[in-house]
Each structure stands twice: as C-alpha cells, then as structure tokens.
C-alpha cells in the first residue's frame, strides 16, 4: 500500500490478500473500489464465447506505449490533464465528466516509467488497485471555481512539485510534454524553465495502436453496447418520446458496467434531417424513421460508436427511404473495403464510394475517425473538405476506425445515419460490429 498520508489503513482492495479473480484478472471482491463489468456482462460474454482482457496486462501495455513514445521524442515525461489520457495511463475513473470541465486531476509519467497521480483530496486508495501508480498527491486544481484569486499561487505550488519530480527522475531534464492545462499552470511551468512540448500529439499517437488486451476489451464493450441497442429497439415504438428511447440505452449500458455517453444524438421523423439534433421530448409517430449515434463509453471505458436507422411503425418504408438506406450501406461498406495497413489518409479520402451531389451538402463531417477511449486521432475528411480541414498520415495494424455516413438532401423529409467500427489488421480490416441493420429498410 502507498505510504501517502492520504491512504487508508485497511483498504477494501488489499494487495496482501489473494481473492478469487474475475474473468478479466481483477479481484472478485464485492466491495472493491475499482469499477468494471457486472455479472450480467460477464455472463453474456461467456455465452457469446468472448474472452475478457487481462486488465493488469493491458495497463502495463499502455504504460509501456507511453514510455516508448516519450523516448522516441526525447522527452523526459508527460503531464496529463485530459481525463481520458489519465484513464489510459492509470486506468482510474474518478468523476471523469466533472473533471472534464473542472480539471482537478493530473497524471505525470516519466521516461523511466515512474507514474504519479494527482487525485481529489490526495486520496491514494482511489487508485491502489493499480500498482503502476507509484505516488498520489493533492493539488492539481488551479481553475477559478476551486482557487479563485489564489489561482496563480496554487499553479506555482503545482509547478514546483512537477519540477521536483523532474529533478528526481530526469536529473537536469526539463523537456516535458503537456496536454490540456489551464493558462496559469502553463505560465508557472515555463517560469521554472520547463520546456513545455505537445503532449496531445504524443498521447493521440500513443493511444492509436491498440494492444491485444485492448482489442479484447473493445470486443466485450461492443457486445455489451449491441445488447443495449437491442433493448433500446424493443422500446422504440410509436407514442413514446425520443428521450424515452435514449433512456433505455443509458440504462442498459450502466446495467452492464458501461460508464457514460458523450452525446445524445437520436432523432426521429423530420428531426433526422439535417443531422446532429439531440433527442428531446418529441413523440415518435407511426411510420417514421428513428436514427441514432451511440457515442457510448462502455465497459472498460472503451468507446462504442455505432449508428443505425430504424423504421418505426406498422407500415412499410417508402422506396425513397429504402434507396437512401441502400446507398448509405454501400457507402460505408465500399469505404471500409479499402482499409489496410500502409493506406494513407489521403487515399481514404480520395478512393472508395462518393455519394451523389444531392447529398454532399449535408454529408457527415468525417469519412473515418479513430476510436478507442473516445473519438480519437485521426479524423479523415471527405475529399471536398480535404484542402480546408484534411491532414495526412498512414494506417497501421492495431488502429481502430469508425466508418460512417449521413444521407439526407437539403430540405428533405428525413435522413439515414449508419456507422460501424473497424480494426486495422495485418492484412486488411475486421468489422467489429454485428449489430443488425433494419430489415424493413434493407428491403
């Protein structure tokens, strides 16, 4: 157990004990601090023949990836405030959404693999299930709500602690990558002679290549998400509100050990065109389309980003709706077919399926985007947006991509949204999603 004064004398997860282990190689302790999948999820995965990740091995892989990329960039360490990069480094989950707009947590990983965490109140017991976290401190808060007119004072105290860590672990080294930091913190670091480098680039590239256990974790998370979508589908019928349907996805995700949802993009009827409207109190009518994008942070913190469009009612889709769905499906399947290691982002933009002009104005913002703990690098644009917003790169085995499309003409009565998740393999790609498309819209 940590010697930190904020530790507790008898933590619920005591490394000295040897409890039974769950399928993901974590202690089977009912009162443990670490969150994770529920018995429902484990049972469903076993029935489906899915293998759970080895979480201690996954955590070590992620730390090794950070260290590898620090050394490749000649950096002495990386200081993280982005809650998802903190999750990647430490696999800890404390109040992630609140932390996203009130940055009270931070993590520092040194080039020698030594990792420290600034936690709420300095509570070391919150992360003691992960022995890769060597020390826990308080004092990473220097946002105005927490520190008011003392913001610069608190930022300076934090910066001095960072400098102490650099002296201890890197000697005279002062090259520190930093991702998302408050202005006062940045100024305090630079005032101490610390050379602040780009930590966001470092972490996005680090997180892009998934290890074997991360792939297993994503398979489990996608299965749980698809089970949740199936339960949402049972509740989607005329007479309920969009919010009623979306609430089923939330509930089903949490029941399986999922965590939160980044957006609430679900719409019905005329609200499906244009895209990106959030679900609300609209009552779904008979014989309408309902479309959604899960943007779901599920089991193990993995993002499962699936889009489907359903016909809701006792009638039949129009030929126009079926034609749009057919075109949308052709679009993502054709574009997925060119995914392989060595393919450039520019090729993914230029090649593949290009939709008719009538749908270009309202096309989706990206052809592909990376996915892991959330939407991640890269974001690959359509060719007509390449000069303004595109950037190049090359696919590598182990990357995960979402391929997606929105089909809906300007002023049209409704639209179609589809999206799948792909794993870039040594020889091509694997579609990790098996969630069915609507049979009525498939014709």
Protein backbone atom coordinates (compact mmCIF):
# COMPACT_ATOMS: atom_id res chain seq x y z
CA UNK A 1 0.00 0.00 0.00
CA UNK A 2 1.17 3.55 -0.67
CA UNK A 3 2.92 5.49 2.10
CA UNK A 4 0.95 8.56 1.12
CA UNK A 5 -0.65 10.15 4.22
CA UNK A 6 -3.99 10.20 2.42
CA UNK A 7 -4.06 6.39 2.26
CA UNK A 8 -6.46 4.48 4.46
CA UNK A 9 -5.21 1.84 6.92
CA UNK A 10 -7.36 -1.04 5.68
CA UNK A 11 -8.33 -0.54 2.04
CA UNK A 12 -11.10 -2.64 0.55
CA UNK A 13 -8.62 -3.89 -2.07
CA UNK A 14 -5.60 -5.13 -0.15
CA UNK A 15 -2.71 -6.42 -2.32
CA UNK A 16 -1.69 -8.75 0.53
CA UNK A 17 -4.87 -10.77 0.11
CA UNK A 18 -5.34 -13.30 -2.68
CA UNK A 19 -9.05 -13.27 -3.55
CA UNK A 20 -10.75 -15.08 -6.36
CA UNK A 21 -10.25 -13.39 -9.71
CA UNK A 22 -12.85 -12.25 -12.20
CA UNK A 23 -12.58 -13.18 -15.89
CA UNK A 24 -10.55 -10.01 -16.58
CA UNK A 25 -7.92 -10.95 -13.94
CA UNK A 26 -9.11 -8.43 -11.34
CA UNK A 27 -10.05 -9.31 -7.74
CA UNK A 28 -13.53 -10.73 -7.27
CA UNK A 29 -14.34 -8.52 -4.29
CA UNK A 30 -17.90 -7.26 -3.98
CA UNK A 31 -16.89 -4.14 -2.03
CA UNK A 32 -13.92 -3.18 -4.17
CA UNK A 33 -13.23 0.39 -5.25
CA UNK A 34 -12.43 -0.40 -8.89
CA UNK A 35 -15.47 -0.23 -11.16
CA UNK A 36 -15.99 -2.63 -14.04
CA UNK A 37 -18.35 -5.04 -15.80
CA UNK A 38 -21.32 -6.51 -13.96
CA UNK A 39 -22.29 -10.20 -13.64
CA UNK A 40 -24.78 -9.61 -16.47
CA UNK A 41 -21.99 -8.55 -18.84
CA UNK A 42 -19.66 -11.40 -17.84
CA UNK A 43 -22.48 -13.92 -18.37
CA UNK A 44 -23.36 -12.52 -21.80
CA UNK A 45 -19.73 -12.53 -22.90
CA UNK A 46 -19.26 -16.12 -21.75
CA UNK A 47 -22.38 -17.18 -23.65
CA UNK A 48 -21.06 -15.39 -26.76
CA UNK A 49 -17.65 -17.07 -26.44
CA UNK A 50 -15.83 -13.79 -25.86
CA UNK A 51 -12.55 -13.65 -23.98
CA UNK A 52 -12.14 -10.87 -21.44
CA UNK A 53 -8.99 -8.73 -21.40
CA UNK A 54 -6.28 -9.24 -18.81
CA UNK A 55 -6.53 -5.81 -17.19
CA UNK A 56 -3.13 -5.82 -15.41
CA UNK A 57 -1.51 -6.75 -18.74
CA UNK A 58 -3.49 -4.05 -20.57
CA UNK A 59 -2.38 -1.43 -18.03
CA UNK A 60 1.26 -2.43 -18.43
CA UNK A 61 0.96 -2.30 -22.23
CA UNK A 62 -0.40 1.24 -22.06
CA UNK A 63 2.35 2.43 -19.74
CA UNK A 64 4.96 0.82 -21.98
CA UNK A 65 3.45 2.59 -25.00
CA UNK A 66 3.73 5.98 -23.28
CA UNK A 67 7.34 5.33 -22.27
CA UNK A 68 8.23 4.13 -25.77
CA UNK A 69 6.83 7.29 -27.33
CA UNK A 70 8.44 9.57 -24.74
CA UNK A 71 11.83 8.10 -25.56
CA UNK A 72 11.21 8.33 -29.30
CA UNK A 73 10.61 12.09 -28.90
CA UNK A 74 13.49 12.65 -26.46
CA UNK A 75 11.06 13.77 -23.76
CA UNK A 76 11.66 13.49 -20.01
CA UNK A 77 7.99 12.98 -19.17
CA UNK A 78 4.39 13.79 -19.96
CA UNK A 79 1.93 15.69 -17.78
CA UNK A 80 -1.71 14.81 -18.42
CA UNK A 81 -4.92 16.67 -17.57
CA UNK A 82 -7.23 15.17 -20.21
CA UNK A 83 -9.37 12.72 -18.19
CA UNK A 84 -9.27 10.15 -20.98
CA UNK A 85 -5.50 10.23 -21.22
CA UNK A 86 -5.37 9.94 -17.42
CA UNK A 87 -7.65 6.93 -17.79
CA UNK A 88 -5.31 5.49 -20.41
CA UNK A 89 -2.24 5.92 -18.22
CA UNK A 90 -3.70 4.93 -14.84
CA UNK A 91 -6.96 3.09 -15.64
CA UNK A 92 -8.64 5.14 -12.91
CA UNK A 93 -12.07 6.66 -13.35
CA UNK A 94 -12.82 9.20 -10.63
CA UNK A 95 -15.56 11.69 -11.67
CA UNK A 96 -14.46 11.82 -15.31
CA UNK A 97 -17.21 14.10 -16.62
CA UNK A 98 -16.91 16.58 -13.76
CA UNK A 99 -13.15 16.51 -14.20
CA UNK A 100 -13.55 17.26 -17.91
CA UNK A 101 -14.69 20.81 -17.11
CA UNK A 102 -13.14 21.14 -13.63
CA UNK A 103 -9.57 19.81 -14.07
CA UNK A 104 -8.71 18.69 -10.56
CA UNK A 105 -6.77 15.55 -11.57
CA UNK A 106 -3.41 15.20 -13.28
CA UNK A 107 -1.00 12.40 -14.06
CA UNK A 108 2.71 12.51 -14.79
CA UNK A 109 4.56 9.67 -16.49
CA UNK A 110 8.34 9.86 -16.60
CA UNK A 111 10.51 8.41 -19.37
CA UNK A 112 11.70 5.74 -16.91
CA UNK A 113 8.08 4.55 -16.42
CA UNK A 114 7.56 6.12 -12.99
CA UNK A 115 3.97 7.34 -12.72
CA UNK A 116 2.34 9.69 -10.21
CA UNK A 117 -1.27 10.83 -9.91
CA UNK A 118 -2.81 13.99 -8.51
CA UNK A 119 -6.18 12.87 -7.15
CA UNK A 120 -9.11 14.59 -5.48
CA UNK A 121 -8.08 15.17 -1.87
CA UNK A 122 -4.92 13.16 -2.48
CA UNK A 123 -6.95 10.01 -1.82
CA UNK A 124 -4.48 7.25 -2.67
CA UNK A 125 -6.98 4.48 -2.02
CA UNK A 126 -8.85 5.50 -5.18
CA UNK A 127 -6.07 4.03 -7.36
CA UNK A 128 -4.41 1.43 -5.13
CA UNK A 129 -5.75 -1.40 -7.30
CA UNK A 130 -3.20 -0.34 -9.93
CA UNK A 131 0.35 -0.77 -8.58
CA UNK A 132 1.75 1.07 -11.61
CA UNK A 133 0.66 4.30 -9.89
CA UNK A 134 3.61 4.87 -7.55
CA UNK A 135 2.60 8.05 -5.72
CA UNK A 136 -0.57 10.07 -5.21
CA UNK A 137 -0.80 13.78 -4.40
CA UNK A 138 -3.35 16.53 -3.98
CA UNK A 139 -3.11 19.98 -5.51
CA UNK A 140 -3.68 19.87 -9.29
CA UNK A 141 -6.63 22.29 -9.10
CA UNK A 142 -6.00 25.79 -10.36
CA UNK A 143 -9.26 26.56 -12.12
CA UNK A 144 -11.20 29.56 -10.91
CA UNK A 145 -14.08 27.79 -9.15
CA UNK A 146 -11.60 25.95 -6.93
CA UNK A 147 -8.94 28.60 -6.41
CA UNK A 148 -10.46 31.99 -7.21
CA UNK A 149 -7.95 34.82 -6.75
CA UNK A 150 -5.40 32.29 -5.45
CA UNK A 151 -5.16 30.57 -8.85
CA UNK A 152 -1.62 31.70 -9.66
CA UNK A 153 -0.42 30.76 -6.16
CA UNK A 154 -1.82 27.23 -6.48
CA UNK A 155 -0.46 26.85 -10.01
CA UNK A 156 3.02 27.81 -8.78
CA UNK A 157 2.86 25.23 -5.98
CA UNK A 158 1.85 22.58 -8.51
CA UNK A 159 4.62 23.60 -10.91
CA UNK A 160 7.24 23.31 -8.17
CA UNK A 161 6.03 19.76 -7.44
CA UNK A 162 6.41 18.93 -11.12
CA UNK A 163 9.90 20.38 -11.12
CA UNK A 164 10.80 18.28 -8.06
CA UNK A 165 9.68 15.16 -9.90
CA UNK A 166 11.76 16.08 -12.93
CA UNK A 167 14.83 16.59 -10.75
CA UNK A 168 14.31 13.24 -9.03
CA UNK A 169 13.65 11.18 -12.15
CA UNK A 170 15.30 13.08 -15.02
CA UNK A 171 18.19 14.96 -13.41
CA UNK A 172 18.69 18.11 -15.40
CA UNK A 173 15.98 17.13 -17.91
CA UNK A 174 13.30 19.75 -18.48
CA UNK A 175 11.58 18.55 -21.69
CA UNK A 176 8.02 17.90 -20.55
CA UNK A 177 5.07 17.12 -22.80
CA UNK A 178 1.78 18.59 -21.53
CA UNK A 179 -1.68 18.08 -22.98
CA UNK A 180 -4.58 20.25 -21.72
CA UNK A 181 -3.53 22.68 -18.99
CA UNK A 182 -5.02 25.87 -17.56
CA UNK A 183 -3.23 29.09 -18.56
CA UNK A 184 -1.92 29.74 -15.02
CA UNK A 185 -0.40 26.27 -14.90
CA UNK A 186 1.34 26.66 -18.25
CA UNK A 187 2.83 30.00 -17.24
CA UNK A 188 4.01 28.57 -13.91
CA UNK A 189 5.79 25.66 -15.59
CA UNK A 190 7.51 27.88 -18.12
CA UNK A 191 8.56 30.33 -15.39
CA UNK A 192 10.55 27.49 -13.80
CA UNK A 193 12.46 26.84 -17.03
CA UNK A 194 10.48 23.76 -18.01
CA UNK A 195 10.35 23.30 -21.79
CA UNK A 196 6.69 22.52 -22.49
CA UNK A 197 6.15 20.29 -25.51
CA UNK A 198 3.00 18.97 -27.23
CA UNK A 199 1.52 16.23 -25.04
CA UNK A 200 -1.70 15.94 -27.01
CA UNK A 201 0.12 14.76 -30.14
CA UNK A 202 2.11 12.31 -28.03
CA UNK A 203 -0.95 10.77 -26.39
CA UNK A 204 -3.12 10.63 -29.51
CA UNK A 205 -0.38 8.74 -31.36
CA UNK A 206 0.26 6.54 -28.32
CA UNK A 207 -3.38 5.61 -27.89
CA UNK A 208 -3.91 4.94 -31.61
CA UNK A 209 -2.28 1.49 -31.68
CA UNK A 210 -4.28 -0.99 -29.62
CA UNK A 211 -2.70 -3.94 -27.87
CA UNK A 212 -4.12 -7.46 -27.72
CA UNK A 213 -5.98 -6.88 -24.45
CA UNK A 214 -7.37 -3.54 -25.62
CA UNK A 215 -8.81 -5.35 -28.64
CA UNK A 216 -10.40 -7.94 -26.33
CA UNK A 217 -11.78 -5.13 -24.17
CA UNK A 218 -13.29 -3.45 -27.23
CA UNK A 219 -14.90 -6.70 -28.39
CA UNK A 220 -16.55 -7.06 -24.98
CA UNK A 221 -17.62 -3.42 -24.91
CA UNK A 222 -19.13 -3.63 -28.40
CA UNK A 223 -21.07 -6.77 -27.47
CA UNK A 224 -22.46 -5.00 -24.38
CA UNK A 225 -23.35 -1.96 -26.48
CA UNK A 226 -25.11 -4.10 -29.09
CA UNK A 227 -27.08 -5.85 -26.34
CA UNK A 228 -28.08 -2.41 -25.05
CA UNK A 229 -29.10 -1.32 -28.55
CA UNK A 230 -31.31 -4.42 -28.84
CA UNK A 231 -33.07 -3.50 -25.61
CA UNK A 232 -33.46 0.09 -26.85
CA UNK A 233 -35.01 -1.26 -30.07
CA UNK A 234 -37.69 -3.10 -28.10
CA UNK A 235 -38.73 0.17 -26.51
CA UNK A 236 -38.77 2.18 -29.75
CA UNK A 237 -42.38 2.32 -30.94
CA UNK A 238 -44.92 5.00 -31.88
CA UNK A 239 -46.19 7.03 -28.95
CA UNK A 240 -43.03 7.23 -26.86
CA UNK A 241 -40.66 10.18 -26.83
CA UNK A 242 -37.16 10.28 -28.22
CA UNK A 243 -35.94 10.72 -24.65
CA UNK A 244 -37.78 7.56 -23.60
CA UNK A 245 -35.86 5.55 -26.20
CA UNK A 246 -32.49 7.12 -25.38
CA UNK A 247 -33.00 6.47 -21.67
CA UNK A 248 -33.14 2.74 -22.42
CA UNK A 249 -29.66 2.87 -23.96
CA UNK A 250 -28.31 4.69 -20.90
CA UNK A 251 -29.92 2.22 -18.53
CA UNK A 252 -28.78 -0.85 -20.42
CA UNK A 253 -25.23 0.49 -20.69
CA UNK A 254 -24.97 1.13 -16.95
CA UNK A 255 -26.50 -2.26 -16.10
CA UNK A 256 -23.61 -3.97 -17.89
CA UNK A 257 -20.88 -1.86 -16.33
CA UNK A 258 -20.63 0.79 -19.02
CA UNK A 259 -19.88 4.31 -17.89
CA UNK A 260 -21.39 7.27 -19.74
CA UNK A 261 -22.41 8.62 -23.15
CA UNK A 262 -20.67 11.56 -24.78
CA UNK A 263 -23.65 12.93 -26.73
CA UNK A 264 -27.39 12.39 -27.01
CA UNK A 265 -27.73 12.25 -30.79
CA UNK A 266 -31.00 10.49 -31.52
CA UNK A 267 -33.80 11.95 -33.59
CA UNK A 268 -36.98 10.87 -35.30
CA UNK A 269 -39.12 11.82 -38.28
CA UNK A 270 -38.33 15.25 -39.75
CA UNK A 271 -35.74 15.84 -36.97
CA UNK A 272 -33.46 13.32 -38.70
CA UNK A 273 -32.80 15.95 -41.39
CA UNK A 274 -30.46 17.73 -41.02
CA UNK A 275 -28.30 15.53 -38.79
CA UNK A 276 -26.87 16.23 -35.31
CA UNK A 277 -30.07 17.14 -33.46
CA UNK A 278 -30.15 15.82 -29.89
CA UNK A 279 -33.02 13.74 -28.58
CA UNK A 280 -35.82 15.59 -26.86
CA UNK A 281 -39.50 15.39 -25.91
CA UNK A 282 -40.76 14.79 -29.45
CA UNK A 283 -43.28 11.94 -29.58
CA UNK A 284 -42.39 9.39 -32.25
CA UNK A 285 -45.23 8.98 -34.74
CA UNK A 286 -46.31 5.90 -36.65
CA UNK A 287 -44.29 5.03 -39.76
CA UNK A 288 -41.30 7.30 -39.18
CA UNK A 289 -37.55 6.91 -39.21
CA UNK A 290 -35.54 6.95 -35.99
CA UNK A 291 -31.76 7.39 -36.25
CA UNK A 292 -29.05 7.48 -33.59
CA UNK A 293 -25.32 7.57 -32.92
CA UNK A 294 -24.38 5.80 -29.67
CA UNK A 295 -21.15 7.71 -28.79
CA UNK A 296 -21.19 5.37 -25.81
CA UNK A 297 -18.38 4.94 -23.29
CA UNK A 298 -18.95 1.36 -22.29
CA UNK A 299 -17.26 -1.41 -20.36
CA UNK A 300 -13.57 -0.86 -19.61
CA UNK A 301 -14.02 2.75 -20.71
CA UNK A 302 -13.99 1.73 -24.38
CA UNK A 303 -15.97 3.89 -26.82
CA UNK A 304 -18.50 2.00 -28.88
CA UNK A 305 -19.62 4.29 -31.68
CA UNK A 306 -22.40 2.67 -33.69
CA UNK A 307 -25.12 4.31 -35.81
CA UNK A 308 -28.28 2.74 -37.12
CA UNK A 309 -31.55 3.97 -38.60
CA UNK A 310 -34.83 2.16 -37.90
CA UNK A 311 -38.30 2.33 -39.41
CA UNK A 312 -40.80 2.70 -36.57
CA UNK A 313 -44.44 1.74 -37.18
CA UNK A 314 -46.83 -0.84 -38.56
CA UNK A 315 -46.49 0.20 -42.19
CA UNK A 316 -43.63 -0.06 -44.66
CA UNK A 317 -40.78 2.30 -45.57
CA UNK A 318 -41.09 4.34 -48.74
CA UNK A 319 -38.97 3.42 -51.72
CA UNK A 320 -37.05 6.66 -51.19
CA UNK A 321 -36.16 5.64 -47.62
CA UNK A 322 -35.05 2.18 -48.74
CA UNK A 323 -32.97 3.66 -51.55
CA UNK A 324 -31.25 6.06 -49.16
CA UNK A 325 -30.50 3.24 -46.72
CA UNK A 326 -29.11 1.09 -49.53
CA UNK A 327 -26.88 3.97 -50.64
CA UNK A 328 -25.69 4.61 -47.06
CA UNK A 329 -24.81 0.96 -46.56
CA UNK A 330 -22.98 0.81 -49.90
CA UNK A 331 -21.06 3.92 -48.86
CA UNK A 332 -19.66 2.54 -45.59
CA UNK A 333 -19.05 -0.96 -46.95
CA UNK A 334 -17.17 0.31 -50.01
CA UNK A 335 -15.10 2.74 -47.95
CA UNK A 336 -14.30 0.07 -45.37
CA UNK A 337 -13.03 -2.24 -48.10
CA UNK A 338 -10.01 -0.03 -48.78
CA UNK A 339 -8.82 -0.01 -45.15
CA UNK A 340 -5.45 -1.75 -44.72
CA UNK A 341 -2.02 -1.08 -43.22
CA UNK A 342 0.01 1.36 -45.31
CA UNK A 343 -3.02 3.10 -46.81
CA UNK A 344 -2.73 6.88 -46.42
CA UNK A 345 -5.41 9.13 -45.03
CA UNK A 346 -5.41 10.94 -48.36
CA UNK A 347 -6.18 7.68 -50.15
CA UNK A 348 -9.05 7.00 -47.77
CA UNK A 349 -10.41 10.42 -48.64
CA UNK A 350 -9.95 10.12 -52.39
CA UNK A 351 -10.84 6.48 -53.06
CA UNK A 352 -13.91 4.44 -52.33
CA UNK A 353 -17.54 5.48 -52.63
CA UNK A 354 -18.56 9.03 -53.42
CA UNK A 355 -22.18 9.97 -52.85
CA UNK A 356 -24.40 11.75 -55.39
CA UNK A 357 -24.19 15.54 -55.43
CA UNK A 358 -27.64 15.89 -53.87
CA UNK A 359 -26.29 14.56 -50.56
CA UNK A 360 -22.87 16.25 -50.49
CA UNK A 361 -24.01 19.50 -48.84
CA UNK A 362 -25.16 17.66 -45.71
CA UNK A 363 -22.54 14.91 -45.74
CA UNK A 364 -21.10 13.80 -42.41
CA UNK A 365 -18.11 15.72 -41.01
CA UNK A 366 -15.68 12.79 -41.45
CA UNK A 367 -15.40 9.71 -43.63
CA UNK A 368 -13.48 7.88 -40.90
CA UNK A 369 -12.25 8.68 -37.43
CA UNK A 370 -10.15 6.84 -34.88
CA UNK A 371 -11.76 5.31 -31.82
CA UNK A 372 -10.56 3.91 -28.50
CA UNK A 373 -11.43 5.52 -25.18
CA UNK A 374 -13.37 8.10 -27.21
CA UNK A 375 -13.26 9.53 -30.72
CA UNK A 376 -9.51 9.70 -31.32
CA UNK A 377 -6.94 10.63 -33.95
CA UNK A 378 -7.20 10.52 -36.91
CA UNK A 379 -10.16 12.39 -38.38
CA UNK A 380 -10.26 11.66 -42.10
CA UNK A 381 -12.29 14.11 -44.17
CA UNK A 382 -14.21 13.86 -47.41
CA UNK A 383 -12.26 14.90 -50.49
CA UNK A 384 -14.23 18.13 -50.97
CA UNK A 385 -13.19 19.18 -47.43
CA UNK A 386 -9.59 17.94 -47.66
CA UNK A 387 -7.89 21.21 -48.59
CA UNK A 388 -9.62 23.10 -45.79
CA UNK A 389 -9.53 20.55 -42.96
CA UNK A 390 -7.70 17.37 -44.01
CA UNK A 391 -4.30 16.09 -42.91
CA UNK A 392 -2.32 13.07 -43.99
CA UNK A 393 -0.96 10.02 -42.24
CA UNK A 394 -0.78 6.26 -42.72
CA UNK A 395 -2.84 3.42 -41.27
CA UNK A 396 -1.09 0.86 -39.08
CA UNK A 397 -2.19 -2.53 -37.82
CA UNK A 398 -3.80 -2.17 -34.41
CA UNK A 399 -5.59 1.08 -35.19
CA UNK A 400 -9.37 1.24 -34.84
CA UNK A 401 -11.53 3.35 -37.11
CA UNK A 402 -15.19 4.24 -37.38
CA UNK A 403 -16.58 4.44 -40.91
CA UNK A 404 -19.77 6.43 -41.16
CA UNK A 405 -22.21 8.25 -43.37
CA UNK A 406 -25.23 10.51 -43.31
CA UNK A 407 -27.59 10.54 -46.29
CA UNK A 408 -30.16 13.31 -46.49
CA UNK A 409 -30.77 16.02 -49.08
CA UNK A 410 -31.19 19.66 -48.11
CA UNK A 411 -34.85 20.21 -47.19
CA UNK A 412 -35.61 16.50 -47.32
CA UNK A 413 -38.27 14.93 -45.08
CA UNK A 414 -35.80 12.68 -43.22
CA UNK A 415 -32.34 11.09 -43.41
CA UNK A 416 -30.27 7.96 -42.81
CA UNK A 417 -27.27 7.60 -40.44
CA UNK A 418 -25.06 4.47 -40.36
CA UNK A 419 -21.72 3.72 -38.68
CA UNK A 420 -19.53 0.69 -37.95
CA UNK A 421 -16.23 0.17 -36.11
CA UNK A 422 -13.24 -1.40 -37.83
CA UNK A 423 -9.99 -2.91 -36.61
CA UNK A 424 -6.99 -2.48 -38.93
CA UNK A 425 -5.38 -5.92 -39.16
CA UNK A 426 -2.08 -7.10 -40.65
CA UNK A 427 -3.82 -7.98 -43.91
CA UNK A 428 -6.72 -5.54 -44.10
CA UNK A 429 -9.53 -4.88 -41.69
CA UNK A 430 -12.14 -6.54 -39.49
CA UNK A 431 -15.60 -5.11 -38.95
CA UNK A 432 -16.02 -5.46 -35.18
CA UNK A 433 -19.76 -4.68 -35.27
CA UNK A 434 -22.52 -7.22 -35.81
CA UNK A 435 -25.47 -5.00 -34.85
CA UNK A 436 -28.19 -5.73 -37.44
CA UNK A 437 -29.49 -3.17 -39.89
CA UNK A 438 -33.22 -2.61 -40.06
CA UNK A 439 -34.69 -5.43 -42.20
CA UNK A 440 -37.54 -3.25 -43.45
CA UNK A 441 -35.14 -0.59 -44.71
CA UNK A 442 -32.92 -3.33 -46.16
CA UNK A 443 -35.87 -4.40 -48.29
